[in-house]
């Protein structure tokens, strides 16, 4: 079985110092900004970590922005809108700087 491959930009946010304030800004400002500014995206998945059997999770939120190709991801990240969205992610992250990663997503359908 051959997996479906996709490329994505992942942003992991550490636990904020004030969860309620972070959530308000994240939902009302950051997500709409990302939707408007991240050109070439085909999907955004915003995950909130609610717990871990291993104790306190190292991340509070994980955002995955999917692109049809590495070239589209790179063009978005280099664009003014992409830079604005990434800078805003760092600005609102009160628990420390978010980590930004590029990943290949392998998806298997059964």
PDB file of N, CA and C in Angstrom:
ATOM      1  N   UNK A   1       0.840  -1.173   0.000  1.00  0.00           N
ATOM      2  CA  UNK A   1       0.000   0.000   0.000  1.00  0.00           C
ATOM      3  C   UNK A   1       0.888   1.239   0.000  1.00  0.00           C
ATOM      4  N   UNK A   2       0.633   2.149  -0.905  1.00  0.00           N
ATOM      5  CA  UNK A   2       1.402   3.378  -0.995  1.00  0.00           C
ATOM      6  C   UNK A   2       0.643   4.498  -0.276  1.00  0.00           C
ATOM      7  N   UNK A   3       1.312   5.209   0.669  1.00  0.00           N
ATOM      8  CA  UNK A   3       0.607   6.272   1.391  1.00  0.00           C
ATOM      9  C   UNK A   3       0.433   7.521   0.527  1.00  0.00           C
ATOM     10  N   UNK A   4      -0.584   8.312   0.845  1.00  0.00           N
ATOM     11  CA  UNK A   4      -0.725   9.639   0.259  1.00  0.00           C
ATOM     12  C   UNK A   4       0.247  10.558   0.984  1.00  0.00           C
ATOM     13  N   UNK A   5       1.040  11.314   0.237  1.00  0.00           N
ATOM     14  CA  UNK A   5       2.032  12.194   0.839  1.00  0.00           C
ATOM     15  C   UNK A   5       1.571  13.644   0.710  1.00  0.00           C
ATOM     16  N   UNK A   6       1.848  14.414   1.736  1.00  0.00           N
ATOM     17  CA  UNK A   6       1.543  15.839   1.722  1.00  0.00           C
ATOM     18  C   UNK A   6       2.642  16.553   2.496  1.00  0.00           C
ATOM     19  N   UNK A   7       2.771  17.836   2.247  1.00  0.00           N
ATOM     20  CA  UNK A   7       3.765  18.643   2.954  1.00  0.00           C
ATOM     21  C   UNK A   7       3.025  19.621   3.846  1.00  0.00           C
ATOM     22  N   UNK A   8       3.569  19.875   5.032  1.00  0.00           N
ATOM     23  CA  UNK A   8       2.893  20.806   5.927  1.00  0.00           C
ATOM     24  C   UNK A   8       3.891  21.578   6.768  1.00  0.00           C
ATOM     25  N   UNK A   9       3.443  22.746   7.171  1.00  0.00           N
ATOM     26  CA  UNK A   9       4.150  23.586   8.117  1.00  0.00           C
ATOM     27  C   UNK A   9       3.496  23.339   9.466  1.00  0.00           C
ATOM     28  N   UNK A  10       4.296  23.024  10.482  1.00  0.00           N
ATOM     29  CA  UNK A  10       3.760  22.768  11.816  1.00  0.00           C
ATOM     30  C   UNK A  10       4.288  23.826  12.777  1.00  0.00           C
ATOM     31  N   UNK A  11       3.378  24.357  13.588  1.00  0.00           N
ATOM     32  CA  UNK A  11       3.744  25.323  14.613  1.00  0.00           C
ATOM     33  C   UNK A  11       3.256  24.777  15.943  1.00  0.00           C
ATOM     34  N   UNK A  12       4.170  24.596  16.895  1.00  0.00           N
ATOM     35  CA  UNK A  12       3.797  24.091  18.209  1.00  0.00           C
ATOM     36  C   UNK A  12       3.933  25.222  19.227  1.00  0.00           C
ATOM     37  N   UNK A  13       2.854  25.444  19.978  1.00  0.00           N
ATOM     38  CA  UNK A  13       2.837  26.485  21.004  1.00  0.00           C
ATOM     39  C   UNK A  13       2.994  25.860  22.379  1.00  0.00           C
ATOM     40  N   UNK A  14       3.936  26.383  23.196  1.00  0.00           N
ATOM     41  CA  UNK A  14       4.047  25.890  24.567  1.00  0.00           C
ATOM     42  C   UNK A  14       2.841  26.351  25.394  1.00  0.00           C
ATOM     43  N   UNK A  15       2.686  25.772  26.577  1.00  0.00           N
ATOM     44  CA  UNK A  15       1.591  26.135  27.468  1.00  0.00           C
ATOM     45  C   UNK A  15       1.656  27.628  27.766  1.00  0.00           C
ATOM     46  N   UNK A  16       0.569  28.373  27.465  1.00  0.00           N
ATOM     47  CA  UNK A  16       0.586  29.814  27.728  1.00  0.00           C
ATOM     48  C   UNK A  16       0.508  30.120  29.223  1.00  0.00           C
ATOM     49  N   UNK A  17       0.988  31.291  29.600  1.00  0.00           N
ATOM     50  CA  UNK A  17       0.902  31.707  30.998  1.00  0.00           C
ATOM     51  C   UNK A  17      -0.532  32.041  31.376  1.00  0.00           C
ATOM     52  N   UNK A  18      -1.343  32.463  30.414  1.00  0.00           N
ATOM     53  CA  UNK A  18      -2.765  32.768  30.638  1.00  0.00           C
ATOM     54  C   UNK A  18      -3.554  32.110  29.510  1.00  0.00           C
ATOM     55  N   UNK A  19      -4.086  30.921  29.763  1.00  0.00           N
ATOM     56  CA  UNK A  19      -4.770  30.132  28.729  1.00  0.00           C
ATOM     57  C   UNK A  19      -5.985  30.861  28.176  1.00  0.00           C
ATOM     58  N   UNK A  20      -6.788  31.471  29.039  1.00  0.00           N
ATOM     59  CA  UNK A  20      -8.013  32.148  28.594  1.00  0.00           C
ATOM     60  C   UNK A  20      -7.703  33.291  27.626  1.00  0.00           C
ATOM     61  N   UNK A  21      -6.728  34.108  27.956  1.00  0.00           N
ATOM     62  CA  UNK A  21      -6.341  35.212  27.070  1.00  0.00           C
ATOM     63  C   UNK A  21      -5.766  34.686  25.763  1.00  0.00           C
ATOM     64  N   UNK A  22      -4.895  33.674  25.865  1.00  0.00           N
ATOM     65  CA  UNK A  22      -4.305  33.100  24.657  1.00  0.00           C
ATOM     66  C   UNK A  22      -5.389  32.559  23.725  1.00  0.00           C
ATOM     67  N   UNK A  23      -6.334  31.799  24.277  1.00  0.00           N
ATOM     68  CA  UNK A  23      -7.401  31.214  23.464  1.00  0.00           C
ATOM     69  C   UNK A  23      -8.236  32.284  22.769  1.00  0.00           C
ATOM     70  N   UNK A  24      -8.545  33.351  23.483  1.00  0.00           N
ATOM     71  CA  UNK A  24      -9.340  34.437  22.896  1.00  0.00           C
ATOM     72  C   UNK A  24      -8.605  35.045  21.697  1.00  0.00           C
ATOM     73  N   UNK A  25      -7.340  35.369  21.885  1.00  0.00           N
ATOM     74  CA  UNK A  25      -6.547  35.966  20.807  1.00  0.00           C
ATOM     75  C   UNK A  25      -6.332  34.954  19.678  1.00  0.00           C
ATOM     76  N   UNK A  26      -6.064  33.718  20.027  1.00  0.00           N
ATOM     77  CA  UNK A  26      -5.832  32.670  19.028  1.00  0.00           C
ATOM     78  C   UNK A  26      -7.064  32.500  18.134  1.00  0.00           C
ATOM     79  N   UNK A  27      -8.226  32.348  18.763  1.00  0.00           N
ATOM     80  CA  UNK A  27      -9.465  32.099  18.020  1.00  0.00           C
ATOM     81  C   UNK A  27      -9.958  33.328  17.262  1.00  0.00           C
ATOM     82  N   UNK A  28      -9.906  34.493  17.895  1.00  0.00           N
ATOM     83  CA  UNK A  28     -10.510  35.692  17.321  1.00  0.00           C
ATOM     84  C   UNK A  28      -9.590  36.480  16.403  1.00  0.00           C
ATOM     85  N   UNK A  29      -8.272  36.340  16.593  1.00  0.00           N
ATOM     86  CA  UNK A  29      -7.339  37.137  15.797  1.00  0.00           C
ATOM     87  C   UNK A  29      -6.382  36.289  14.955  1.00  0.00           C
ATOM     88  N   UNK A  30      -5.708  35.336  15.610  1.00  0.00           N
ATOM     89  CA  UNK A  30      -4.647  34.624  14.900  1.00  0.00           C
ATOM     90  C   UNK A  30      -5.174  33.686  13.816  1.00  0.00           C
ATOM     91  N   UNK A  31      -6.165  32.870  14.141  1.00  0.00           N
ATOM     92  CA  UNK A  31      -6.692  31.946  13.132  1.00  0.00           C
ATOM     93  C   UNK A  31      -7.254  32.711  11.932  1.00  0.00           C
ATOM     94  N   UNK A  32      -8.091  33.750  12.133  1.00  0.00           N
ATOM     95  CA  UNK A  32      -8.562  34.508  10.955  1.00  0.00           C
ATOM     96  C   UNK A  32      -7.417  35.144  10.150  1.00  0.00           C
ATOM     97  N   UNK A  33      -6.378  35.627  10.842  1.00  0.00           N
ATOM     98  CA  UNK A  33      -5.217  36.194  10.151  1.00  0.00           C
ATOM     99  C   UNK A  33      -4.536  35.124   9.298  1.00  0.00           C
ATOM    100  N   UNK A  34      -4.332  33.945   9.865  1.00  0.00           N
ATOM    101  CA  UNK A  34      -3.685  32.858   9.125  1.00  0.00           C
ATOM    102  C   UNK A  34      -4.520  32.448   7.913  1.00  0.00           C
ATOM    103  N   UNK A  35      -5.825  32.367   8.092  1.00  0.00           N
ATOM    104  CA  UNK A  35      -6.705  31.992   6.977  1.00  0.00           C
ATOM    105  C   UNK A  35      -6.581  33.016   5.840  1.00  0.00           C
ATOM    106  N   UNK A  36      -6.520  34.286   6.187  1.00  0.00           N
ATOM    107  CA  UNK A  36      -6.417  35.348   5.167  1.00  0.00           C
ATOM    108  C   UNK A  36      -5.039  35.417   4.518  1.00  0.00           C
ATOM    109  N   UNK A  37      -3.995  35.261   5.298  1.00  0.00           N
ATOM    110  CA  UNK A  37      -2.640  35.595   4.843  1.00  0.00           C
ATOM    111  C   UNK A  37      -1.818  34.439   4.286  1.00  0.00           C
ATOM    112  N   UNK A  38      -2.125  33.204   4.648  1.00  0.00           N
ATOM    113  CA  UNK A  38      -1.287  32.081   4.221  1.00  0.00           C
ATOM    114  C   UNK A  38      -1.715  31.602   2.840  1.00  0.00           C
ATOM    115  N   UNK A  39      -1.092  32.174   1.839  1.00  0.00           N
ATOM    116  CA  UNK A  39      -1.430  31.874   0.447  1.00  0.00           C
ATOM    117  C   UNK A  39      -0.955  30.476   0.057  1.00  0.00           C
ATOM    118  N   UNK A  40      -1.783  29.790  -0.708  1.00  0.00           N
ATOM    119  CA  UNK A  40      -1.416  28.477  -1.232  1.00  0.00           C
ATOM    120  C   UNK A  40      -1.788  27.318  -0.331  1.00  0.00           C
ATOM    121  N   UNK A  41      -2.264  27.607   0.874  1.00  0.00           N
ATOM    122  CA  UNK A  41      -2.635  26.520   1.788  1.00  0.00           C
ATOM    123  C   UNK A  41      -3.833  25.771   1.241  1.00  0.00           C
ATOM    124  N   UNK A  42      -3.923  24.495   1.588  1.00  0.00           N
ATOM    125  CA  UNK A  42      -5.104  23.719   1.183  1.00  0.00           C
ATOM    126  C   UNK A  42      -5.899  23.241   2.389  1.00  0.00           C
ATOM    127  N   UNK A  43      -5.298  23.347   3.587  1.00  0.00           N
ATOM    128  CA  UNK A  43      -5.984  22.890   4.791  1.00  0.00           C
ATOM    129  C   UNK A  43      -5.231  23.411   6.002  1.00  0.00           C
ATOM    130  N   UNK A  44      -5.977  23.763   7.038  1.00  0.00           N
ATOM    131  CA  UNK A  44      -5.380  24.111   8.330  1.00  0.00           C
ATOM    132  C   UNK A  44      -6.037  23.231   9.385  1.00  0.00           C
ATOM    133  N   UNK A  45      -5.210  22.586  10.200  1.00  0.00           N
ATOM    134  CA  UNK A  45      -5.702  21.802  11.323  1.00  0.00           C
ATOM    135  C   UNK A  45      -5.131  22.434  12.591  1.00  0.00           C
ATOM    136  N   UNK A  46      -6.013  22.881  13.485  1.00  0.00           N
ATOM    137  CA  UNK A  46      -5.597  23.482  14.752  1.00  0.00           C
ATOM    138  C   UNK A  46      -5.977  22.525  15.879  1.00  0.00           C
ATOM    139  N   UNK A  47      -4.980  21.990  16.554  1.00  0.00           N
ATOM    140  CA  UNK A  47      -5.200  20.996  17.597  1.00  0.00           C
ATOM    141  C   UNK A  47      -4.876  21.596  18.959  1.00  0.00           C
ATOM    142  N   UNK A  48      -5.771  21.381  19.928  1.00  0.00           N
ATOM    143  CA  UNK A  48      -5.516  21.789  21.312  1.00  0.00           C
ATOM    144  C   UNK A  48      -5.229  20.515  22.105  1.00  0.00           C
ATOM    145  N   UNK A  49      -4.090  20.477  22.768  1.00  0.00           N
ATOM    146  CA  UNK A  49      -3.695  19.319  23.563  1.00  0.00           C
ATOM    147  C   UNK A  49      -4.412  19.412  24.914  1.00  0.00           C
ATOM    148  N   UNK A  50      -5.143  18.362  25.265  1.00  0.00           N
ATOM    149  CA  UNK A  50      -5.931  18.400  26.500  1.00  0.00           C
ATOM    150  C   UNK A  50      -5.345  17.540  27.620  1.00  0.00           C
ATOM    151  N   UNK A  51      -4.320  16.779  27.335  1.00  0.00           N
ATOM    152  CA  UNK A  51      -3.698  15.981  28.375  1.00  0.00           C
ATOM    153  C   UNK A  51      -2.757  14.951  27.810  1.00  0.00           C
ATOM    154  N   UNK A  52      -2.072  14.258  28.714  1.00  0.00           N
ATOM    155  CA  UNK A  52      -1.148  13.199  28.328  1.00  0.00           C
ATOM    156  C   UNK A  52      -1.018  12.229  29.499  1.00  0.00           C
ATOM    157  N   UNK A  53      -0.994  10.930  29.227  1.00  0.00           N
ATOM    158  CA  UNK A  53      -0.787   9.975  30.317  1.00  0.00           C
ATOM    159  C   UNK A  53       0.626  10.053  30.893  1.00  0.00           C
ATOM    160  N   UNK A  54       1.512  10.802  30.224  1.00  0.00           N
ATOM    161  CA  UNK A  54       2.901  10.925  30.672  1.00  0.00           C
ATOM    162  C   UNK A  54       3.139  12.193  31.500  1.00  0.00           C
ATOM    163  N   UNK A  55       2.062  12.913  31.845  1.00  0.00           N
ATOM    164  CA  UNK A  55       2.218  14.145  32.619  1.00  0.00           C
ATOM    165  C   UNK A  55       1.884  15.360  31.779  1.00  0.00           C
ATOM    166  N   UNK A  56       2.455  16.481  32.138  1.00  0.00           N
ATOM    167  CA  UNK A  56       2.176  17.736  31.428  1.00  0.00           C
ATOM    168  C   UNK A  56       2.780  17.677  30.029  1.00  0.00           C
ATOM    169  N   UNK A  57       1.944  17.860  29.000  1.00  0.00           N
ATOM    170  CA  UNK A  57       2.458  17.829  27.629  1.00  0.00           C
ATOM    171  C   UNK A  57       3.373  19.036  27.352  1.00  0.00           C
ATOM    172  N   UNK A  58       4.353  18.877  26.476  1.00  0.00           N
ATOM    173  CA  UNK A  58       5.258  19.991  26.177  1.00  0.00           C
ATOM    174  C   UNK A  58       4.611  21.080  25.313  1.00  0.00           C
ATOM    175  N   UNK A  59       3.470  20.772  24.697  1.00  0.00           N
ATOM    176  CA  UNK A  59       2.814  21.746  23.826  1.00  0.00           C
ATOM    177  C   UNK A  59       1.357  21.910  24.231  1.00  0.00           C
ATOM    178  N   UNK A  60       0.839  23.101  23.993  1.00  0.00           N
ATOM    179  CA  UNK A  60      -0.566  23.386  24.257  1.00  0.00           C
ATOM    180  C   UNK A  60      -1.385  23.327  22.968  1.00  0.00           C
ATOM    181  N   UNK A  61      -0.827  23.853  21.891  1.00  0.00           N
ATOM    182  CA  UNK A  61      -1.490  23.837  20.587  1.00  0.00           C
ATOM    183  C   UNK A  61      -0.498  23.407  19.530  1.00  0.00           C
ATOM    184  N   UNK A  62      -1.031  22.728  18.511  1.00  0.00           N
ATOM    185  CA  UNK A  62      -0.249  22.368  17.336  1.00  0.00           C
ATOM    186  C   UNK A  62      -1.070  22.769  16.123  1.00  0.00           C
ATOM    187  N   UNK A  63      -0.508  23.639  15.304  1.00  0.00           N
ATOM    188  CA  UNK A  63      -1.169  24.044  14.062  1.00  0.00           C
ATOM    189  C   UNK A  63      -0.452  23.374  12.904  1.00  0.00           C
ATOM    190  N   UNK A  64      -1.232  22.815  11.993  1.00  0.00           N
ATOM    191  CA  UNK A  64      -0.682  22.178  10.792  1.00  0.00           C
ATOM    192  C   UNK A  64      -1.292  22.869   9.584  1.00  0.00           C
ATOM    193  N   UNK A  65      -0.443  23.468   8.759  1.00  0.00           N
ATOM    194  CA  UNK A  65      -0.897  24.152   7.550  1.00  0.00           C
ATOM    195  C   UNK A  65      -0.390  23.328   6.375  1.00  0.00           C
ATOM    196  N   UNK A  66      -1.329  22.738   5.654  1.00  0.00           N
ATOM    197  CA  UNK A  66      -1.012  21.820   4.560  1.00  0.00           C
ATOM    198  C   UNK A  66      -0.895  22.577   3.232  1.00  0.00           C
ATOM    199  N   UNK A  67       0.057  22.136   2.418  1.00  0.00           N
ATOM    200  CA  UNK A  67       0.309  22.728   1.104  1.00  0.00           C
ATOM    201  C   UNK A  67       0.411  21.622   0.061  1.00  0.00           C
ATOM    202  N   UNK A  68       0.117  21.943  -1.207  1.00  0.00           N
ATOM    203  CA  UNK A  68       0.198  20.924  -2.251  1.00  0.00           C
ATOM    204  C   UNK A  68       1.640  20.552  -2.630  1.00  0.00           C
ATOM    205  N   UNK A  69       2.605  21.406  -2.261  1.00  0.00           N
ATOM    206  CA  UNK A  69       4.000  21.115  -2.611  1.00  0.00           C
ATOM    207  C   UNK A  69       4.936  21.897  -1.700  1.00  0.00           C
ATOM    208  N   UNK A  70       6.189  21.465  -1.657  1.00  0.00           N
ATOM    209  CA  UNK A  70       7.209  22.173  -0.891  1.00  0.00           C
ATOM    210  C   UNK A  70       7.399  23.582  -1.450  1.00  0.00           C
ATOM    211  N   UNK A  71       7.321  23.717  -2.765  1.00  0.00           N
ATOM    212  CA  UNK A  71       7.492  25.030  -3.390  1.00  0.00           C
ATOM    213  C   UNK A  71       6.409  26.003  -2.928  1.00  0.00           C
ATOM    214  N   UNK A  72       5.176  25.531  -2.817  1.00  0.00           N
ATOM    215  CA  UNK A  72       4.077  26.388  -2.355  1.00  0.00           C
ATOM    216  C   UNK A  72       4.276  26.774  -0.886  1.00  0.00           C
ATOM    217  N   UNK A  73       4.736  25.835  -0.070  1.00  0.00           N
ATOM    218  CA  UNK A  73       5.010  26.133   1.339  1.00  0.00           C
ATOM    219  C   UNK A  73       6.110  27.191   1.435  1.00  0.00           C
ATOM    220  N   UNK A  74       7.201  26.995   0.702  1.00  0.00           N
ATOM    221  CA  UNK A  74       8.316  27.937   0.746  1.00  0.00           C
ATOM    222  C   UNK A  74       7.899  29.321   0.263  1.00  0.00           C
ATOM    223  N   UNK A  75       7.083  29.374  -0.792  1.00  0.00           N
ATOM    224  CA  UNK A  75       6.612  30.665  -1.300  1.00  0.00           C
ATOM    225  C   UNK A  75       5.746  31.367  -0.261  1.00  0.00           C
ATOM    226  N   UNK A  76       4.892  30.614   0.407  1.00  0.00           N
ATOM    227  CA  UNK A  76       4.037  31.183   1.444  1.00  0.00           C
ATOM    228  C   UNK A  76       4.884  31.717   2.601  1.00  0.00           C
ATOM    229  N   UNK A  77       5.829  30.921   3.080  1.00  0.00           N
ATOM    230  CA  UNK A  77       6.661  31.325   4.215  1.00  0.00           C
ATOM    231  C   UNK A  77       7.488  32.567   3.895  1.00  0.00           C
ATOM    232  N   UNK A  78       7.880  32.736   2.634  1.00  0.00           N
ATOM    233  CA  UNK A  78       8.682  33.887   2.226  1.00  0.00           C
ATOM    234  C   UNK A  78       7.833  35.119   1.906  1.00  0.00           C
ATOM    235  N   UNK A  79       6.536  34.953   1.783  1.00  0.00           N
ATOM    236  CA  UNK A  79       5.654  36.067   1.406  1.00  0.00           C
ATOM    237  C   UNK A  79       5.423  37.001   2.594  1.00  0.00           C
ATOM    238  N   UNK A  80       5.039  38.242   2.330  1.00  0.00           N
ATOM    239  CA  UNK A  80       4.721  39.161   3.432  1.00  0.00           C
ATOM    240  C   UNK A  80       3.625  38.608   4.346  1.00  0.00           C
ATOM    241  N   UNK A  81       2.597  37.995   3.779  1.00  0.00           N
ATOM    242  CA  UNK A  81       1.518  37.433   4.591  1.00  0.00           C
ATOM    243  C   UNK A  81       1.987  36.276   5.447  1.00  0.00           C
ATOM    244  N   UNK A  82       2.835  35.422   4.892  1.00  0.00           N
ATOM    245  CA  UNK A  82       3.378  34.305   5.647  1.00  0.00           C
ATOM    246  C   UNK A  82       4.251  34.772   6.795  1.00  0.00           C
ATOM    247  N   UNK A  83       5.106  35.753   6.518  1.00  0.00           N
ATOM    248  CA  UNK A  83       5.960  36.300   7.583  1.00  0.00           C
ATOM    249  C   UNK A  83       5.114  36.962   8.671  1.00  0.00           C
ATOM    250  N   UNK A  84       4.056  37.684   8.263  1.00  0.00           N
ATOM    251  CA  UNK A  84       3.180  38.336   9.237  1.00  0.00           C
ATOM    252  C   UNK A  84       2.510  37.312  10.152  1.00  0.00           C
ATOM    253  N   UNK A  85       2.005  36.228   9.579  1.00  0.00           N
ATOM    254  CA  UNK A  85       1.329  35.201  10.376  1.00  0.00           C
ATOM    255  C   UNK A  85       2.304  34.521  11.343  1.00  0.00           C
ATOM    256  N   UNK A  86       3.518  34.209  10.880  1.00  0.00           N
ATOM    257  CA  UNK A  86       4.505  33.571  11.754  1.00  0.00           C
ATOM    258  C   UNK A  86       4.964  34.520  12.865  1.00  0.00           C
ATOM    259  N   UNK A  87       5.145  35.792  12.534  1.00  0.00           N
ATOM    260  CA  UNK A  87       5.534  36.777  13.547  1.00  0.00           C
ATOM    261  C   UNK A  87       4.428  36.945  14.588  1.00  0.00           C
ATOM    262  N   UNK A  88       3.171  36.930  14.146  1.00  0.00           N
ATOM    263  CA  UNK A  88       2.059  37.079  15.082  1.00  0.00           C
ATOM    264  C   UNK A  88       1.960  35.857  15.991  1.00  0.00           C
ATOM    265  N   UNK A  89       2.245  34.679  15.470  1.00  0.00           N
ATOM    266  CA  UNK A  89       2.249  33.467  16.295  1.00  0.00           C
ATOM    267  C   UNK A  89       3.259  33.608  17.432  1.00  0.00           C
ATOM    268  N   UNK A  90       4.440  34.142  17.130  1.00  0.00           N
ATOM    269  CA  UNK A  90       5.458  34.345  18.160  1.00  0.00           C
ATOM    270  C   UNK A  90       5.016  35.413  19.156  1.00  0.00           C
ATOM    271  N   UNK A  91       4.368  36.451  18.662  1.00  0.00           N
ATOM    272  CA  UNK A  91       3.941  37.562  19.517  1.00  0.00           C
ATOM    273  C   UNK A  91       2.924  37.113  20.568  1.00  0.00           C
ATOM    274  N   UNK A  92       1.991  36.234  20.211  1.00  0.00           N
ATOM    275  CA  UNK A  92       0.934  35.850  21.146  1.00  0.00           C
ATOM    276  C   UNK A  92       1.317  34.670  22.036  1.00  0.00           C
ATOM    277  N   UNK A  93       2.446  34.059  21.792  1.00  0.00           N
ATOM    278  CA  UNK A  93       2.855  32.873  22.550  1.00  0.00           C
ATOM    279  C   UNK A  93       3.505  33.299  23.867  1.00  0.00           C
ATOM    280  N   UNK A  94       2.721  33.304  24.936  1.00  0.00           N
ATOM    281  CA  UNK A  94       3.200  33.799  26.235  1.00  0.00           C
ATOM    282  C   UNK A  94       4.018  32.772  27.015  1.00  0.00           C
ATOM    283  N   UNK A  95       3.996  31.514  26.619  1.00  0.00           N
ATOM    284  CA  UNK A  95       4.730  30.481  27.343  1.00  0.00           C
ATOM    285  C   UNK A  95       6.114  30.207  26.789  1.00  0.00           C
ATOM    286  N   UNK A  96       6.535  30.990  25.829  1.00  0.00           N
ATOM    287  CA  UNK A  96       7.819  30.789  25.164  1.00  0.00           C
ATOM    288  C   UNK A  96       7.590  30.797  23.664  1.00  0.00           C
ATOM    289  N   UNK A  97       8.656  30.826  22.913  1.00  0.00           N
ATOM    290  CA  UNK A  97       8.521  30.880  21.459  1.00  0.00           C
ATOM    291  C   UNK A  97       7.963  29.576  20.903  1.00  0.00           C
ATOM    292  N   UNK A  98       7.069  29.668  19.926  1.00  0.00           N
ATOM    293  CA  UNK A  98       6.599  28.453  19.262  1.00  0.00           C
ATOM    294  C   UNK A  98       7.716  27.855  18.417  1.00  0.00           C
ATOM    295  N   UNK A  99       7.650  26.550  18.210  1.00  0.00           N
ATOM    296  CA  UNK A  99       8.582  25.890  17.300  1.00  0.00           C
ATOM    297  C   UNK A  99       7.922  25.780  15.941  1.00  0.00           C
ATOM    298  N   UNK A 100       8.685  26.017  14.896  1.00  0.00           N
ATOM    299  CA  UNK A 100       8.190  25.938  13.528  1.00  0.00           C
ATOM    300  C   UNK A 100       8.950  24.810  12.835  1.00  0.00           C
ATOM    301  N   UNK A 101       8.202  23.894  12.226  1.00  0.00           N
ATOM    302  CA  UNK A 101       8.805  22.734  11.574  1.00  0.00           C
ATOM    303  C   UNK A 101       8.128  22.493  10.230  1.00  0.00           C
ATOM    304  N   UNK A 102       8.838  21.872   9.332  1.00  0.00           N
ATOM    305  CA  UNK A 102       8.299  21.422   8.049  1.00  0.00           C
ATOM    306  C   UNK A 102       8.261  19.899   8.102  1.00  0.00           C
ATOM    307  N   UNK A 103       7.123  19.334   7.722  1.00  0.00           N
ATOM    308  CA  UNK A 103       6.976  17.877   7.834  1.00  0.00           C
ATOM    309  C   UNK A 103       6.312  17.299   6.587  1.00  0.00           C
ATOM    310  N   UNK A 104       6.607  16.042   6.334  1.00  0.00           N
ATOM    311  CA  UNK A 104       5.886  15.272   5.332  1.00  0.00           C
ATOM    312  C   UNK A 104       4.842  14.446   6.060  1.00  0.00           C
ATOM    313  N   UNK A 105       3.653  14.482   5.568  1.00  0.00           N
ATOM    314  CA  UNK A 105       2.535  13.777   6.173  1.00  0.00           C
ATOM    315  C   UNK A 105       2.242  12.542   5.338  1.00  0.00           C
ATOM    316  N   UNK A 106       2.267  11.369   5.955  1.00  0.00           N
ATOM    317  CA  UNK A 106       1.900  10.135   5.282  1.00  0.00           C
ATOM    318  C   UNK A 106       0.544   9.704   5.788  1.00  0.00           C
ATOM    319  N   UNK A 107      -0.396   9.542   4.902  1.00  0.00           N
ATOM    320  CA  UNK A 107      -1.741   9.177   5.311  1.00  0.00           C
ATOM    321  C   UNK A 107      -2.124   7.864   4.643  1.00  0.00           C
ATOM    322  N   UNK A 108      -2.634   6.940   5.448  1.00  0.00           N
ATOM    323  CA  UNK A 108      -3.045   5.626   4.981  1.00  0.00           C
ATOM    324  C   UNK A 108      -4.545   5.527   5.104  1.00  0.00           C
ATOM    325  N   UNK A 109      -5.206   5.087   4.060  1.00  0.00           N
ATOM    326  CA  UNK A 109      -6.668   4.909   4.075  1.00  0.00           C
ATOM    327  C   UNK A 109      -6.965   3.418   4.061  1.00  0.00           C
ATOM    328  N   UNK A 110      -7.849   2.991   4.945  1.00  0.00           N
ATOM    329  CA  UNK A 110      -8.203   1.572   5.058  1.00  0.00           C
ATOM    330  C   UNK A 110      -9.642   1.357   4.689  1.00  0.00           C
TER     331      UNK A 110
END
